[in-house]
C-alpha atoms as a PDB file:
ATOM      1  CA  MET A   1      33.823  11.623 -18.403  1.00  0.00           C
ATOM      2  CA  HIS A   2      37.467  12.411 -17.628  1.00  0.00           C
ATOM      3  CA  LEU A   3      38.450  12.381 -21.304  1.00  0.00           C
ATOM      4  CA  SER A   4      35.562  14.611 -22.393  1.00  0.00           C
ATOM      5  CA  LEU A   5      36.216  16.996 -19.488  1.00  0.00           C
ATOM      6  CA  ASN A   6      39.877  17.354 -20.482  1.00  0.00           C
ATOM      7  CA  LEU A   7      38.838  17.869 -24.087  1.00  0.00           C
ATOM      8  CA  THR A   8      36.403  20.597 -23.046  1.00  0.00           C
ATOM      9  CA  ILE A   9      38.991  22.357 -20.911  1.00  0.00           C
ATOM     10  CA  GLU A  10      41.690  22.113 -23.572  1.00  0.00           C
ATOM     11  CA  LEU A  11      39.362  23.398 -26.290  1.00  0.00           C
ATOM     12  CA  SER A  12      38.366  26.283 -24.060  1.00  0.00           C
ATOM     13  CA  HIS A  13      42.065  27.088 -23.657  1.00  0.00           C
ATOM     14  CA  PHE A  14      42.328  27.775 -27.383  1.00  0.00           C
ATOM     15  CA  VAL A  15      39.016  29.616 -27.584  1.00  0.00           C
ATOM     16  CA  GLU A  16      39.707  31.751 -24.527  1.00  0.00           C
ATOM     17  CA  LYS A  17      43.210  32.912 -25.454  1.00  0.00           C
ATOM     18  CA  ARG A  18      41.922  36.369 -26.400  1.00  0.00           C
ATOM     19  CA  ILE A  19      39.561  37.100 -23.526  1.00  0.00           C
ATOM     20  CA  PRO A  20      40.350  34.642 -20.712  1.00  0.00           C
ATOM     21  CA  PHE A  21      37.673  35.782 -18.292  1.00  0.00           C
ATOM     22  CA  ALA A  22      34.723  35.696 -20.718  1.00  0.00           C
ATOM     23  CA  ALA A  23      33.805  32.067 -20.010  1.00  0.00           C
ATOM     24  CA  GLN A  24      35.880  31.374 -16.925  1.00  0.00           C
ATOM     25  CA  GLY A  25      32.739  30.743 -14.886  1.00  0.00           C
ATOM     26  CA  VAL A  26      31.766  27.907 -17.210  1.00  0.00           C
ATOM     27  CA  ASN A  27      35.261  26.425 -16.976  1.00  0.00           C
ATOM     28  CA  GLN A  28      35.146  26.666 -13.188  1.00  0.00           C
ATOM     29  CA  GLY A  29      31.750  24.982 -13.180  1.00  0.00           C
ATOM     30  CA  PHE A  30      33.158  22.067 -15.173  1.00  0.00           C
ATOM     31  CA  GLU A  31      36.088  21.795 -12.797  1.00  0.00           C
ATOM     32  CA  ASP A  32      33.819  21.978  -9.742  1.00  0.00           C
ATOM     33  CA  ALA A  33      31.613  19.210 -11.145  1.00  0.00           C
ATOM     34  CA  ALA A  34      34.606  17.010 -11.995  1.00  0.00           C
ATOM     35  CA  LEU A  35      36.218  17.552  -8.613  1.00  0.00           C
ATOM     36  CA  ILE A  36      33.017  16.850  -6.682  1.00  0.00           C
ATOM     37  CA  ALA A  37      32.310  13.778  -8.832  1.00  0.00           C
ATOM     38  CA  THR A  38      35.839  12.507  -8.176  1.00  0.00           C
ATOM     39  CA  LEU A  39      35.460  12.995  -4.423  1.00  0.00           C
ATOM     40  CA  ILE A  40      32.025  11.319  -4.389  1.00  0.00           C
ATOM     41  CA  THR A  41      33.431   8.419  -6.413  1.00  0.00           C
ATOM     42  CA  LYS A  42      36.160   8.044  -3.798  1.00  0.00           C
ATOM     43  CA  ILE A  43      33.492   7.957  -1.048  1.00  0.00           C
ATOM     44  CA  ILE A  44      31.503   5.326  -2.949  1.00  0.00           C
ATOM     45  CA  ASN A  45      34.587   3.215  -3.716  1.00  0.00           C
ATOM     46  CA  ASN A  46      35.438   3.206  -0.006  1.00  0.00           C
ATOM     47  CA  ASN A  47      31.871   2.132   0.880  1.00  0.00           C
ATOM     48  CA  ALA A  48      31.565   5.255   3.036  1.00  0.00           C
ATOM     49  CA  LEU A  49      28.151   6.574   2.004  1.00  0.00           C
ATOM     50  CA  ASP A  50      26.958   6.239   5.609  1.00  0.00           C
ATOM     51  CA  ASP A  51      30.086   7.719   7.182  1.00  0.00           C
ATOM     52  CA  GLU A  52      29.391  11.399   7.835  1.00  0.00           C
ATOM     53  CA  LYS A  53      32.953  12.045   9.002  1.00  0.00           C
ATOM     54  CA  ILE A  54      34.506  10.760   5.765  1.00  0.00           C
ATOM     55  CA  ILE A  55      31.957  12.661   3.679  1.00  0.00           C
ATOM     56  CA  ALA A  56      32.611  15.868   5.635  1.00  0.00           C
ATOM     57  CA  ASN A  57      36.372  15.395   5.245  1.00  0.00           C
ATOM     58  CA  GLU A  58      36.055  14.998   1.477  1.00  0.00           C
ATOM     59  CA  PHE A  59      34.083  18.231   1.204  1.00  0.00           C
ATOM     60  CA  ILE A  60      36.583  20.006   3.455  1.00  0.00           C
ATOM     61  CA  LYS A  61      39.233  18.781   1.015  1.00  0.00           C
ATOM     62  CA  TYR A  62      37.129  20.224  -1.834  1.00  0.00           C
ATOM     63  CA  GLU A  63      37.106  23.638  -0.166  1.00  0.00           C
ATOM     64  CA  GLN A  64      40.847  23.471   0.571  1.00  0.00           C
ATOM     65  CA  ILE A  65      41.499  22.779  -3.096  1.00  0.00           C
ATOM     66  CA  ARG A  66      39.090  25.337  -4.544  1.00  0.00           C
ATOM     67  CA  ARG A  67      39.408  28.370  -2.263  1.00  0.00           C
ATOM     68  CA  PRO A  68      43.081  29.214  -3.013  1.00  0.00           C
ATOM     69  CA  PHE A  69      42.524  28.737  -6.734  1.00  0.00           C
ATOM     70  CA  MET A  70      39.438  30.945  -6.767  1.00  0.00           C
ATOM     71  CA  SER A  71      41.377  33.649  -4.921  1.00  0.00           C
ATOM     72  CA  LYS A  72      43.970  33.541  -7.709  1.00  0.00           C
ATOM     73  CA  ILE A  73      41.236  33.830 -10.354  1.00  0.00           C
ATOM     74  CA  GLN A  74      39.684  36.809  -8.563  1.00  0.00           C
ATOM     75  CA  SER A  75      43.063  38.537  -8.286  1.00  0.00           C
ATOM     76  CA  ALA A  76      43.780  37.882 -11.954  1.00  0.00           C
ATOM     77  CA  THR A  77      40.438  39.403 -12.910  1.00  0.00           C
ATOM     78  CA  MET A  78      41.341  42.602 -11.105  1.00  0.00           C
ATOM     79  CA  GLU A  79      45.015  42.854 -12.125  1.00  0.00           C
ATOM     80  CA  SER A  80      45.281  41.395 -15.627  1.00  0.00           C
ATOM     81  CA  GLN A  81      44.971  44.624 -17.619  1.00  0.00           C
ATOM     82  CA  ASN A  82      48.716  45.295 -17.113  1.00  0.00           C
ATOM     83  CA  TRP A  83      50.064  41.769 -17.514  1.00  0.00           C
ATOM     84  CA  SER A  84      53.018  40.809 -19.682  1.00  0.00           C
ATOM     85  CA  GLN A  85      52.771  37.900 -22.122  1.00  0.00           C
ATOM     86  CA  ALA A  86      54.765  35.743 -19.691  1.00  0.00           C
ATOM     87  CA  LYS A  87      52.236  36.409 -16.940  1.00  0.00           C
ATOM     88  CA  TRP A  88      49.383  35.510 -19.333  1.00  0.00           C
ATOM     89  CA  ASP A  89      51.180  32.280 -20.207  1.00  0.00           C
ATOM     90  CA  ASN A  90      51.592  31.408 -16.509  1.00  0.00           C
ATOM     91  CA  TYR A  91      47.913  32.162 -15.939  1.00  0.00           C
ATOM     92  CA  GLY A  92      46.941  29.902 -18.843  1.00  0.00           C
ATOM     93  CA  ASP A  93      49.036  27.058 -17.475  1.00  0.00           C
ATOM     94  CA  MET A  94      47.556  27.495 -13.976  1.00  0.00           C
ATOM     95  CA  VAL A  95      43.967  27.578 -15.196  1.00  0.00           C
ATOM     96  CA  TYR A  96      43.792  25.225 -18.162  1.00  0.00           C
ATOM     97  CA  ARG A  97      46.185  22.418 -17.297  1.00  0.00           C
ATOM     98  CA  ARG A  98      44.551  21.069 -14.142  1.00  0.00           C
ATOM     99  CA  SER A  99      42.940  17.692 -13.520  1.00  0.00           C
ATOM    100  CA  PRO A 100      40.723  16.711 -10.566  1.00  0.00           C
ATOM    101  CA  GLU A 101      42.838  13.638  -9.835  1.00  0.00           C
ATOM    102  CA  GLN A 102      45.995  15.746  -9.700  1.00  0.00           C
ATOM    103  CA  LEU A 103      44.364  18.296  -7.418  1.00  0.00           C
ATOM    104  CA  ILE A 104      43.162  15.609  -5.000  1.00  0.00           C
ATOM    105  CA  SER A 105      46.460  13.725  -4.945  1.00  0.00           C
ATOM    106  CA  ASN A 106      48.363  16.977  -4.272  1.00  0.00           C
ATOM    107  CA  SER A 107      46.137  17.992  -1.351  1.00  0.00           C
END
Protein backbone atom coordinates (compact mmCIF):
# COMPACT_ATOMS: atom_id res chain seq x y z
CA MET A 1 0.00 0.00 0.00
CA HIS A 2 2.80 2.44 0.85
CA LEU A 3 4.47 2.00 -2.54
CA SER A 4 1.24 2.44 -4.51
CA LEU A 5 0.28 5.47 -2.40
CA ASN A 6 3.63 7.14 -3.11
CA LEU A 7 3.26 6.31 -6.78
CA THR A 8 -0.20 7.87 -6.84
CA ILE A 9 0.98 11.02 -5.09
CA GLU A 10 4.06 11.36 -7.29
CA LEU A 11 2.04 10.85 -10.47
CA SER A 12 -0.44 13.44 -9.30
CA HIS A 13 2.47 15.84 -8.81
CA PHE A 14 3.23 15.70 -12.53
CA VAL A 15 -0.41 15.82 -13.58
CA GLU A 16 -1.27 18.68 -11.25
CA LYS A 17 1.61 21.00 -12.14
CA ARG A 18 -0.69 23.24 -14.19
CA ILE A 19 -3.70 23.51 -11.90
CA PRO A 20 -2.63 22.36 -8.42
CA PHE A 21 -5.99 22.75 -6.72
CA ALA A 22 -8.08 20.84 -9.28
CA ALA A 23 -7.64 17.44 -7.61
CA GLN A 24 -6.16 18.45 -4.28
CA GLY A 25 -9.16 17.00 -2.45
CA VAL A 26 -8.44 13.58 -3.91
CA ASN A 27 -4.78 13.85 -2.91
CA GLN A 28 -5.78 14.88 0.60
CA GLY A 29 -8.17 11.95 0.79
CA PHE A 30 -5.35 9.56 -0.10
CA GLU A 31 -3.12 11.13 2.51
CA ASP A 32 -5.87 11.01 5.15
CA ALA A 33 -6.47 7.32 4.43
CA ALA A 34 -2.75 6.51 4.56
CA LEU A 35 -2.23 8.45 7.76
CA ILE A 36 -5.24 6.90 9.50
CA ALA A 37 -4.22 3.42 8.31
CA THR A 38 -0.70 3.99 9.64
CA LEU A 39 -2.02 5.12 13.03
CA ILE A 40 -4.46 2.18 13.23
CA THR A 41 -1.64 -0.21 12.31
CA LYS A 42 0.40 1.25 15.16
CA ILE A 43 -2.54 0.65 17.55
CA ILE A 44 -2.89 -2.94 16.34
CA ASN A 45 0.86 -3.62 16.53
CA ASN A 46 0.84 -2.41 20.13
CA ASN A 47 -2.13 -4.69 20.96
CA ALA A 48 -4.07 -1.60 22.05
CA LEU A 49 -7.43 -2.17 20.35
CA ASP A 50 -9.13 -2.15 23.76
CA ASP A 51 -7.24 0.86 25.11
CA GLU A 52 -9.43 3.91 24.57
CA LYS A 53 -6.74 6.29 25.83
CA ILE A 54 -4.16 5.10 23.28
CA ILE A 55 -6.75 5.17 20.49
CA ALA A 56 -7.82 8.70 21.46
CA ASN A 57 -4.18 9.83 21.59
CA GLU A 58 -3.52 8.48 18.09
CA PHE A 59 -6.49 10.38 16.69
CA ILE A 60 -5.41 13.52 18.53
CA LYS A 61 -2.04 13.04 16.83
CA TYR A 62 -3.89 12.74 13.50
CA GLU A 63 -5.59 16.08 14.06
CA GLN A 64 -2.33 17.73 15.17
CA ILE A 65 -0.70 16.56 11.95
CA ARG A 66 -3.55 17.42 9.59
CA ARG A 67 -4.93 20.72 10.88
CA PRO A 68 -1.81 22.88 10.26
CA PHE A 69 -1.34 21.37 6.82
CA MET A 70 -4.95 21.95 5.84
CA SER A 71 -4.66 25.57 6.97
CA LYS A 72 -1.70 25.95 4.60
CA ILE A 73 -3.71 24.41 1.74
CA GLN A 74 -6.64 26.75 2.41
CA SER A 75 -4.34 29.78 2.48
CA ALA A 76 -2.67 28.68 -0.74
CA THR A 77 -6.06 28.34 -2.42
CA MET A 78 -6.87 31.93 -1.57
CA GLU A 79 -3.46 33.51 -2.27
CA SER A 80 -1.92 31.55 -5.13
CA GLN A 81 -3.03 33.77 -8.02
CA ASN A 82 -0.04 36.09 -7.38
CA TRP A 83 2.62 33.51 -6.59
CA SER A 84 6.10 33.46 -8.08
CA GLN A 85 7.53 30.25 -9.56
CA ALA A 86 9.65 29.80 -6.42
CA LYS A 87 6.54 29.91 -4.24
CA TRP A 88 4.84 27.34 -6.52
CA ASP A 89 7.89 25.11 -6.22
CA ASN A 90 7.82 25.37 -2.40
CA TYR A 91 4.11 24.57 -2.44
CA GLY A 92 4.73 21.51 -4.61
CA ASP A 93 7.43 20.25 -2.27
CA MET A 94 5.19 20.80 0.78
CA VAL A 95 2.20 19.04 -0.74
CA TYR A 96 3.59 16.23 -2.87
CA ARG A 97 6.64 15.02 -0.99
CA ARG A 98 5.03 13.86 2.25
CA SER A 99 4.78 10.36 3.70
CA PRO A 100 2.55 9.22 6.59
CA GLU A 101 5.48 7.63 8.39
CA GLN A 102 7.46 10.86 8.19
CA LEU A 103 4.53 12.90 9.45
CA ILE A 104 3.98 10.60 12.43
CA SER A 105 7.66 10.40 13.36
CA ASN A 106 7.96 14.21 13.21
CA SER A 107 4.95 14.80 15.47
